[in-house]
């Protein structure tokens, strides 16, 4: 347990538990009044949204089709000068077997012949959208939107 009524059983963690942990963490970090957490696909969110954002963090589905949609949807609503980040970019496309990556792109996670696990859908989406030109630190990728496109940034 975590002391906040959140139960974590070894090896089993549900999406609701993760969301509850997230809400607890933003409360204790003192940023609860600045963050509006929402659980839905980016398609649904941006369908009802007309705002522009200065910062977008994508923590969504790792499968290629939805990961690519999440990034493309969010980029449309990112202000020029705004920062967009996402997680689970374990390896760039030049660091993995791209035949395997494309074959397993709709899987959440895969393991390569060297025993490395990674999210092939995220790797492929970042390659196709940004040609791997993103900042990267601890599997978190980041870009800054410019008037003409984007530039990598390091967060």
N, C-alpha and C. Protein backbone atom coordinates (compact mmCIF):
# COMPACT_ATOMS: atom_id res chain seq x y z
N UNK A 1 0.82 -1.19 0.00
CA UNK A 1 0.00 0.00 0.00
C UNK A 1 0.86 1.25 0.00
N UNK A 2 0.23 2.40 -0.15
CA UNK A 2 0.96 3.66 -0.19
C UNK A 2 0.63 4.58 0.98
N UNK A 3 -0.30 4.17 1.84
CA UNK A 3 -0.69 5.03 2.94
C UNK A 3 -1.83 5.96 2.59
N UNK A 4 -2.27 5.96 1.33
CA UNK A 4 -3.36 6.82 0.91
C UNK A 4 -4.55 5.99 0.43
N UNK A 5 -4.67 4.76 0.90
CA UNK A 5 -5.76 3.91 0.47
C UNK A 5 -5.54 3.31 -0.91
N UNK A 6 -4.36 3.46 -1.45
CA UNK A 6 -4.03 2.91 -2.76
C UNK A 6 -3.34 1.58 -2.51
N UNK A 7 -3.91 0.51 -3.02
CA UNK A 7 -3.36 -0.82 -2.82
C UNK A 7 -2.55 -1.26 -4.03
N UNK A 8 -1.33 -1.65 -3.80
CA UNK A 8 -0.47 -2.17 -4.86
C UNK A 8 -0.05 -3.57 -4.46
N UNK A 9 -0.42 -4.54 -5.27
CA UNK A 9 -0.03 -5.92 -5.06
C UNK A 9 1.16 -6.19 -5.96
N UNK A 10 2.17 -6.84 -5.43
CA UNK A 10 3.37 -7.11 -6.22
C UNK A 10 3.01 -7.78 -7.54
N UNK A 11 3.47 -7.18 -8.63
CA UNK A 11 3.25 -7.75 -9.96
C UNK A 11 1.91 -7.37 -10.57
N UNK A 12 1.04 -6.74 -9.81
CA UNK A 12 -0.26 -6.36 -10.35
C UNK A 12 -0.52 -4.90 -10.04
N UNK A 13 -0.68 -4.13 -11.08
CA UNK A 13 -1.02 -2.72 -10.89
C UNK A 13 -2.00 -2.35 -11.99
N UNK A 14 -3.12 -1.81 -11.61
CA UNK A 14 -4.16 -1.49 -12.58
C UNK A 14 -4.02 -0.05 -13.06
N UNK A 15 -4.68 0.24 -14.16
CA UNK A 15 -4.69 1.61 -14.68
C UNK A 15 -5.27 2.58 -13.67
N UNK A 16 -6.30 2.14 -12.93
CA UNK A 16 -6.90 3.01 -11.92
C UNK A 16 -5.92 3.29 -10.79
N UNK A 17 -5.13 2.31 -10.41
CA UNK A 17 -4.14 2.50 -9.36
C UNK A 17 -3.08 3.50 -9.81
N UNK A 18 -2.65 3.38 -11.05
CA UNK A 18 -1.66 4.33 -11.59
C UNK A 18 -2.24 5.73 -11.59
N UNK A 19 -3.49 5.87 -12.02
CA UNK A 19 -4.13 7.19 -12.06
C UNK A 19 -4.27 7.76 -10.64
N UNK A 20 -4.64 6.90 -9.69
CA UNK A 20 -4.74 7.35 -8.30
C UNK A 20 -3.38 7.80 -7.76
N UNK A 21 -2.33 7.06 -8.10
CA UNK A 21 -0.98 7.46 -7.70
C UNK A 21 -0.60 8.80 -8.31
N UNK A 22 -0.93 8.98 -9.58
CA UNK A 22 -0.65 10.25 -10.25
C UNK A 22 -1.33 11.40 -9.52
N UNK A 23 -2.62 11.25 -9.21
CA UNK A 23 -3.35 12.31 -8.51
C UNK A 23 -2.76 12.59 -7.13
N UNK A 24 -2.34 11.52 -6.44
CA UNK A 24 -1.70 11.69 -5.13
C UNK A 24 -0.38 12.45 -5.28
N UNK A 25 0.39 12.07 -6.30
CA UNK A 25 1.69 12.71 -6.51
C UNK A 25 1.56 14.19 -6.83
N UNK A 26 0.59 14.57 -7.67
CA UNK A 26 0.46 16.00 -7.98
C UNK A 26 -0.06 16.78 -6.78
N UNK A 27 -0.86 16.12 -5.95
CA UNK A 27 -1.33 16.77 -4.72
C UNK A 27 -0.14 17.07 -3.81
N UNK A 28 0.69 16.04 -3.55
CA UNK A 28 1.83 16.21 -2.64
C UNK A 28 2.95 17.05 -3.23
N UNK A 29 2.99 17.17 -4.54
CA UNK A 29 3.99 18.03 -5.18
C UNK A 29 3.55 19.50 -5.15
N UNK A 30 2.31 19.73 -4.74
CA UNK A 30 1.82 21.11 -4.65
C UNK A 30 1.40 21.70 -5.99
N UNK A 31 1.14 20.86 -6.98
CA UNK A 31 0.78 21.38 -8.32
C UNK A 31 -0.63 20.98 -8.73
N UNK A 32 -1.42 20.50 -7.79
CA UNK A 32 -2.78 20.03 -8.09
C UNK A 32 -3.63 21.10 -8.76
N UNK A 33 -3.43 22.35 -8.40
CA UNK A 33 -4.24 23.44 -8.96
C UNK A 33 -3.82 23.84 -10.37
N UNK A 34 -2.71 23.28 -10.85
CA UNK A 34 -2.19 23.64 -12.17
C UNK A 34 -2.37 22.52 -13.20
N UNK A 35 -2.76 21.36 -12.75
CA UNK A 35 -2.86 20.19 -13.63
C UNK A 35 -4.28 19.68 -13.62
N UNK A 36 -4.81 19.44 -14.81
CA UNK A 36 -6.13 18.86 -14.95
C UNK A 36 -5.96 17.48 -15.60
N UNK A 37 -5.90 16.42 -14.80
CA UNK A 37 -5.71 15.09 -15.37
C UNK A 37 -6.99 14.60 -16.04
N UNK A 38 -6.83 13.99 -17.20
CA UNK A 38 -7.97 13.46 -17.95
C UNK A 38 -7.60 12.09 -18.49
N UNK A 39 -8.53 11.17 -18.40
CA UNK A 39 -8.31 9.82 -18.94
C UNK A 39 -9.22 9.63 -20.14
N UNK A 40 -8.65 9.75 -21.32
CA UNK A 40 -9.39 9.52 -22.56
C UNK A 40 -8.38 9.53 -23.70
N UNK A 41 -8.82 9.08 -24.85
CA UNK A 41 -7.91 9.13 -25.99
C UNK A 41 -7.73 10.57 -26.44
N UNK A 42 -6.63 10.83 -27.11
CA UNK A 42 -6.41 12.18 -27.62
C UNK A 42 -7.45 12.53 -28.68
N UNK A 43 -7.94 11.52 -29.42
CA UNK A 43 -8.99 11.79 -30.41
C UNK A 43 -10.20 12.43 -29.73
N UNK A 44 -10.63 11.81 -28.65
CA UNK A 44 -11.81 12.30 -27.92
C UNK A 44 -11.53 13.67 -27.29
N UNK A 45 -10.36 13.83 -26.66
CA UNK A 45 -10.03 15.09 -26.01
C UNK A 45 -10.00 16.25 -27.02
N UNK A 46 -9.25 16.07 -28.11
CA UNK A 46 -9.09 17.17 -29.05
C UNK A 46 -10.33 17.42 -29.89
N UNK A 47 -11.26 16.47 -29.92
CA UNK A 47 -12.57 16.66 -30.55
C UNK A 47 -13.33 17.77 -29.85
N UNK A 48 -13.19 17.86 -28.54
CA UNK A 48 -13.94 18.81 -27.73
C UNK A 48 -13.10 20.00 -27.28
N UNK A 49 -11.89 20.12 -27.78
CA UNK A 49 -10.96 21.14 -27.32
C UNK A 49 -10.76 22.22 -28.38
N UNK A 50 -10.66 23.45 -27.92
CA UNK A 50 -10.33 24.53 -28.84
C UNK A 50 -9.14 25.35 -28.32
N UNK A 51 -8.63 24.99 -27.16
CA UNK A 51 -7.51 25.70 -26.55
C UNK A 51 -6.19 25.35 -27.22
N UNK A 52 -5.21 26.23 -27.05
CA UNK A 52 -3.82 25.95 -27.40
C UNK A 52 -3.07 25.79 -26.09
N UNK A 53 -2.01 25.00 -26.14
CA UNK A 53 -1.27 24.69 -24.92
C UNK A 53 0.20 25.04 -25.09
N UNK A 54 0.83 25.47 -23.98
CA UNK A 54 2.26 25.77 -24.00
C UNK A 54 3.09 24.55 -23.62
N UNK A 55 2.45 23.56 -23.01
CA UNK A 55 3.14 22.34 -22.63
C UNK A 55 2.18 21.16 -22.73
N UNK A 56 2.61 20.11 -23.41
CA UNK A 56 1.81 18.88 -23.52
C UNK A 56 2.72 17.71 -23.22
N UNK A 57 2.28 16.85 -22.31
CA UNK A 57 3.01 15.62 -22.00
C UNK A 57 2.13 14.44 -22.39
N UNK A 58 2.64 13.59 -23.27
CA UNK A 58 1.88 12.44 -23.74
C UNK A 58 2.33 11.19 -23.00
N UNK A 59 1.40 10.59 -22.31
CA UNK A 59 1.65 9.32 -21.62
C UNK A 59 0.46 8.43 -21.98
N UNK A 60 0.51 7.86 -23.17
CA UNK A 60 -0.65 7.13 -23.66
C UNK A 60 -0.33 5.75 -24.16
N UNK A 61 -1.17 5.31 -25.06
CA UNK A 61 -1.07 3.98 -25.67
C UNK A 61 0.25 3.88 -26.43
N UNK A 62 0.97 2.80 -26.23
CA UNK A 62 2.27 2.61 -26.89
C UNK A 62 2.17 2.03 -28.29
N UNK A 63 1.00 1.54 -28.65
CA UNK A 63 0.85 0.91 -29.96
C UNK A 63 0.90 1.99 -31.04
N UNK A 64 1.56 1.67 -32.14
CA UNK A 64 1.89 2.62 -33.20
C UNK A 64 0.72 3.50 -33.64
N UNK A 65 -0.40 2.91 -34.03
CA UNK A 65 -1.50 3.69 -34.59
C UNK A 65 -1.95 4.77 -33.63
N UNK A 66 -2.16 4.41 -32.35
CA UNK A 66 -2.64 5.41 -31.40
C UNK A 66 -1.52 6.34 -30.95
N UNK A 67 -0.31 5.83 -30.78
CA UNK A 67 0.81 6.70 -30.39
C UNK A 67 1.01 7.80 -31.43
N UNK A 68 0.95 7.43 -32.71
CA UNK A 68 1.12 8.42 -33.78
C UNK A 68 -0.03 9.43 -33.76
N UNK A 69 -1.26 8.95 -33.57
CA UNK A 69 -2.41 9.87 -33.48
C UNK A 69 -2.26 10.83 -32.31
N UNK A 70 -1.83 10.29 -31.15
CA UNK A 70 -1.66 11.14 -29.96
C UNK A 70 -0.69 12.29 -30.25
N UNK A 71 0.43 11.97 -30.87
CA UNK A 71 1.44 12.99 -31.15
C UNK A 71 0.93 13.99 -32.18
N UNK A 72 0.34 13.51 -33.25
CA UNK A 72 -0.16 14.40 -34.30
C UNK A 72 -1.30 15.27 -33.79
N UNK A 73 -2.22 14.69 -33.02
CA UNK A 73 -3.31 15.48 -32.44
C UNK A 73 -2.78 16.58 -31.53
N UNK A 74 -1.86 16.21 -30.65
CA UNK A 74 -1.33 17.18 -29.69
C UNK A 74 -0.55 18.29 -30.38
N UNK A 75 0.22 17.94 -31.39
CA UNK A 75 1.05 18.95 -32.08
C UNK A 75 0.19 20.07 -32.65
N UNK A 76 -1.00 19.75 -33.13
CA UNK A 76 -1.90 20.76 -33.69
C UNK A 76 -2.32 21.80 -32.65
N UNK A 77 -2.35 21.38 -31.39
CA UNK A 77 -2.82 22.26 -30.32
C UNK A 77 -1.69 22.84 -29.48
N UNK A 78 -0.47 22.62 -29.91
CA UNK A 78 0.69 23.16 -29.21
C UNK A 78 1.00 24.55 -29.76
N UNK A 79 1.15 25.51 -28.86
CA UNK A 79 1.50 26.88 -29.27
C UNK A 79 2.89 26.91 -29.89
N UNK A 80 3.14 27.85 -30.78
CA UNK A 80 4.50 28.08 -31.26
C UNK A 80 5.34 28.48 -30.04
N UNK A 81 6.46 27.83 -29.87
CA UNK A 81 7.30 28.03 -28.69
C UNK A 81 6.99 27.05 -27.58
N UNK A 82 5.90 26.32 -27.71
CA UNK A 82 5.50 25.35 -26.70
C UNK A 82 6.34 24.09 -26.74
N UNK A 83 6.32 23.36 -25.65
CA UNK A 83 7.08 22.13 -25.48
C UNK A 83 6.12 20.95 -25.46
N UNK A 84 6.49 19.91 -26.20
CA UNK A 84 5.75 18.66 -26.13
C UNK A 84 6.72 17.54 -25.78
N UNK A 85 6.32 16.69 -24.85
CA UNK A 85 7.13 15.57 -24.41
C UNK A 85 6.26 14.32 -24.39
N UNK A 86 6.92 13.21 -24.37
CA UNK A 86 6.23 11.94 -24.21
C UNK A 86 7.21 10.93 -23.63
N UNK A 87 6.67 9.85 -23.15
CA UNK A 87 7.56 8.87 -22.54
C UNK A 87 7.64 7.59 -23.36
N UNK A 88 8.48 6.71 -22.89
CA UNK A 88 8.64 5.36 -23.43
C UNK A 88 9.27 5.28 -24.82
N UNK A 89 10.14 6.24 -25.14
CA UNK A 89 10.99 6.10 -26.32
C UNK A 89 12.29 5.48 -25.82
N UNK A 90 12.31 4.17 -25.80
CA UNK A 90 13.44 3.44 -25.24
C UNK A 90 14.66 3.48 -26.15
N UNK A 91 14.42 3.42 -27.47
CA UNK A 91 15.50 3.43 -28.46
C UNK A 91 15.05 4.18 -29.70
N UNK A 92 16.00 4.88 -30.32
CA UNK A 92 15.74 5.48 -31.63
C UNK A 92 15.72 4.38 -32.69
N UNK A 93 15.20 4.71 -33.86
CA UNK A 93 15.04 3.72 -34.93
C UNK A 93 16.37 3.12 -35.39
N UNK A 94 17.46 3.90 -35.32
CA UNK A 94 18.75 3.37 -35.76
C UNK A 94 19.39 2.45 -34.73
N UNK A 95 18.76 2.31 -33.56
CA UNK A 95 19.29 1.46 -32.50
C UNK A 95 18.56 0.11 -32.41
N UNK A 96 17.55 -0.08 -33.25
CA UNK A 96 16.76 -1.31 -33.20
C UNK A 96 16.63 -1.91 -34.59
N UNK A 97 16.17 -3.13 -34.63
CA UNK A 97 15.87 -3.81 -35.89
C UNK A 97 14.53 -3.26 -36.39
N UNK A 98 14.57 -2.46 -37.46
CA UNK A 98 13.34 -1.82 -37.93
C UNK A 98 12.37 -2.81 -38.58
N UNK A 99 12.85 -3.93 -39.07
CA UNK A 99 11.93 -4.96 -39.58
C UNK A 99 11.08 -5.48 -38.42
N UNK A 100 11.73 -5.81 -37.29
CA UNK A 100 11.02 -6.25 -36.10
C UNK A 100 10.10 -5.14 -35.58
N UNK A 101 10.60 -3.93 -35.55
CA UNK A 101 9.83 -2.79 -35.04
C UNK A 101 8.54 -2.62 -35.83
N UNK A 102 8.62 -2.67 -37.15
CA UNK A 102 7.41 -2.52 -37.98
C UNK A 102 6.47 -3.72 -37.81
N UNK A 103 7.05 -4.90 -37.70
CA UNK A 103 6.25 -6.12 -37.52
C UNK A 103 5.49 -6.09 -36.19
N UNK A 104 6.10 -5.57 -35.16
CA UNK A 104 5.52 -5.57 -33.80
C UNK A 104 4.95 -4.21 -33.40
N UNK A 105 4.78 -3.31 -34.35
CA UNK A 105 4.39 -1.92 -34.05
C UNK A 105 3.07 -1.79 -33.30
N UNK A 106 2.16 -2.72 -33.50
CA UNK A 106 0.88 -2.63 -32.80
C UNK A 106 0.89 -3.39 -31.47
N UNK A 107 2.06 -3.84 -31.05
CA UNK A 107 2.22 -4.44 -29.72
C UNK A 107 2.59 -3.34 -28.74
N UNK A 108 2.21 -3.50 -27.49
CA UNK A 108 2.59 -2.55 -26.46
C UNK A 108 4.10 -2.55 -26.28
N UNK A 109 4.66 -3.74 -26.22
CA UNK A 109 6.09 -3.88 -25.95
C UNK A 109 6.60 -5.12 -26.67
N UNK A 110 7.87 -5.14 -27.01
CA UNK A 110 8.47 -6.32 -27.64
C UNK A 110 9.88 -6.49 -27.11
N UNK A 111 10.44 -7.64 -27.39
CA UNK A 111 11.81 -7.95 -27.00
C UNK A 111 12.60 -8.30 -28.25
N UNK A 112 13.78 -7.70 -28.41
CA UNK A 112 14.59 -7.98 -29.60
C UNK A 112 15.49 -9.19 -29.35
N UNK A 113 16.27 -9.56 -30.37
CA UNK A 113 17.13 -10.75 -30.29
C UNK A 113 18.20 -10.64 -29.21
N UNK A 114 18.51 -9.40 -28.78
CA UNK A 114 19.50 -9.19 -27.72
C UNK A 114 18.87 -9.18 -26.33
N UNK A 115 17.54 -9.41 -26.27
CA UNK A 115 16.85 -9.43 -24.98
C UNK A 115 16.43 -8.07 -24.47
N UNK A 116 16.58 -7.03 -25.30
CA UNK A 116 16.17 -5.68 -24.89
C UNK A 116 14.67 -5.52 -25.13
N UNK A 117 13.97 -4.99 -24.14
CA UNK A 117 12.55 -4.70 -24.33
C UNK A 117 12.39 -3.23 -24.69
N UNK A 118 11.43 -2.96 -25.57
CA UNK A 118 11.14 -1.59 -25.97
C UNK A 118 9.73 -1.49 -26.52
N UNK A 119 9.27 -0.28 -26.73
CA UNK A 119 7.93 0.01 -27.25
C UNK A 119 8.06 0.32 -28.74
N UNK A 120 7.84 -0.68 -29.60
CA UNK A 120 8.08 -0.49 -31.03
C UNK A 120 7.17 0.57 -31.66
N UNK A 121 5.96 0.69 -31.18
CA UNK A 121 5.04 1.70 -31.74
C UNK A 121 5.50 3.12 -31.50
N UNK A 122 6.07 3.36 -30.32
CA UNK A 122 6.59 4.69 -30.00
C UNK A 122 7.83 4.97 -30.85
N UNK A 123 8.71 3.99 -30.96
CA UNK A 123 9.91 4.15 -31.79
C UNK A 123 9.53 4.49 -33.23
N UNK A 124 8.58 3.76 -33.80
CA UNK A 124 8.18 3.98 -35.19
C UNK A 124 7.48 5.32 -35.36
N UNK A 125 6.60 5.69 -34.46
CA UNK A 125 5.90 6.97 -34.55
C UNK A 125 6.88 8.15 -34.49
N UNK A 126 7.84 8.10 -33.58
CA UNK A 126 8.84 9.17 -33.46
C UNK A 126 9.69 9.24 -34.73
N UNK A 127 10.03 8.11 -35.30
CA UNK A 127 10.80 8.08 -36.54
C UNK A 127 10.00 8.74 -37.67
N UNK A 128 8.74 8.35 -37.82
CA UNK A 128 7.93 8.86 -38.93
C UNK A 128 7.56 10.33 -38.78
N UNK A 129 7.25 10.77 -37.59
CA UNK A 129 6.81 12.15 -37.38
C UNK A 129 7.98 13.12 -37.29
N UNK A 130 8.99 12.76 -36.50
CA UNK A 130 10.08 13.68 -36.20
C UNK A 130 11.43 13.24 -36.77
N UNK A 131 11.45 12.16 -37.53
CA UNK A 131 12.69 11.61 -38.08
C UNK A 131 13.76 11.46 -36.99
N UNK A 132 13.31 11.06 -35.81
CA UNK A 132 14.18 10.84 -34.64
C UNK A 132 14.87 12.12 -34.13
N UNK A 133 14.46 13.27 -34.63
CA UNK A 133 15.09 14.53 -34.21
C UNK A 133 14.32 15.12 -33.03
N UNK A 134 14.49 14.45 -31.87
CA UNK A 134 13.87 14.88 -30.63
C UNK A 134 14.92 14.84 -29.54
N UNK A 135 14.74 15.64 -28.53
CA UNK A 135 15.58 15.51 -27.34
C UNK A 135 15.20 14.22 -26.64
N UNK A 136 16.12 13.61 -25.94
CA UNK A 136 15.82 12.36 -25.24
C UNK A 136 16.61 12.28 -23.95
N UNK A 137 15.90 12.00 -22.87
CA UNK A 137 16.55 11.81 -21.58
C UNK A 137 15.73 10.79 -20.80
N UNK A 138 16.35 9.68 -20.44
CA UNK A 138 15.69 8.63 -19.66
C UNK A 138 14.38 8.17 -20.31
N UNK A 139 14.38 7.98 -21.60
CA UNK A 139 13.25 7.51 -22.42
C UNK A 139 12.13 8.55 -22.57
N UNK A 140 12.34 9.77 -22.10
CA UNK A 140 11.38 10.85 -22.31
C UNK A 140 11.89 11.71 -23.47
N UNK A 141 11.08 11.80 -24.53
CA UNK A 141 11.44 12.59 -25.70
C UNK A 141 10.82 13.98 -25.59
N UNK A 142 11.41 14.96 -26.27
CA UNK A 142 10.87 16.33 -26.18
C UNK A 142 11.22 17.12 -27.44
N UNK A 143 10.28 18.00 -27.79
CA UNK A 143 10.48 18.93 -28.92
C UNK A 143 9.91 20.29 -28.52
N UNK A 144 10.35 21.31 -29.24
CA UNK A 144 9.76 22.64 -29.09
C UNK A 144 9.22 23.04 -30.45
N UNK A 145 7.97 23.46 -30.47
CA UNK A 145 7.32 23.86 -31.72
C UNK A 145 7.87 25.22 -32.16
N UNK A 146 8.19 25.32 -33.44
CA UNK A 146 8.67 26.58 -34.02
C UNK A 146 7.66 27.04 -35.07
N UNK A 147 7.89 28.22 -35.60
CA UNK A 147 7.04 28.76 -36.66
C UNK A 147 7.01 27.82 -37.86
N UNK A 148 8.13 27.16 -38.14
CA UNK A 148 8.25 26.33 -39.33
C UNK A 148 8.22 24.83 -39.05
N UNK A 149 8.02 24.42 -37.83
CA UNK A 149 8.02 22.99 -37.51
C UNK A 149 8.36 22.76 -36.05
N UNK A 150 9.53 22.18 -35.80
CA UNK A 150 9.95 21.90 -34.43
C UNK A 150 11.47 21.78 -34.37
N UNK A 151 11.99 21.86 -33.16
CA UNK A 151 13.40 21.59 -32.90
C UNK A 151 13.47 20.69 -31.68
N UNK A 152 14.49 19.84 -31.61
CA UNK A 152 14.66 19.03 -30.42
C UNK A 152 14.93 19.93 -29.22
N UNK A 153 14.47 19.55 -28.07
CA UNK A 153 14.86 20.29 -26.87
C UNK A 153 15.17 19.29 -25.77
N UNK A 154 15.94 19.71 -24.83
CA UNK A 154 16.29 18.85 -23.72
C UNK A 154 15.65 19.38 -22.46
N UNK A 155 14.86 18.53 -21.86
CA UNK A 155 14.15 18.94 -20.65
C UNK A 155 14.91 18.54 -19.42
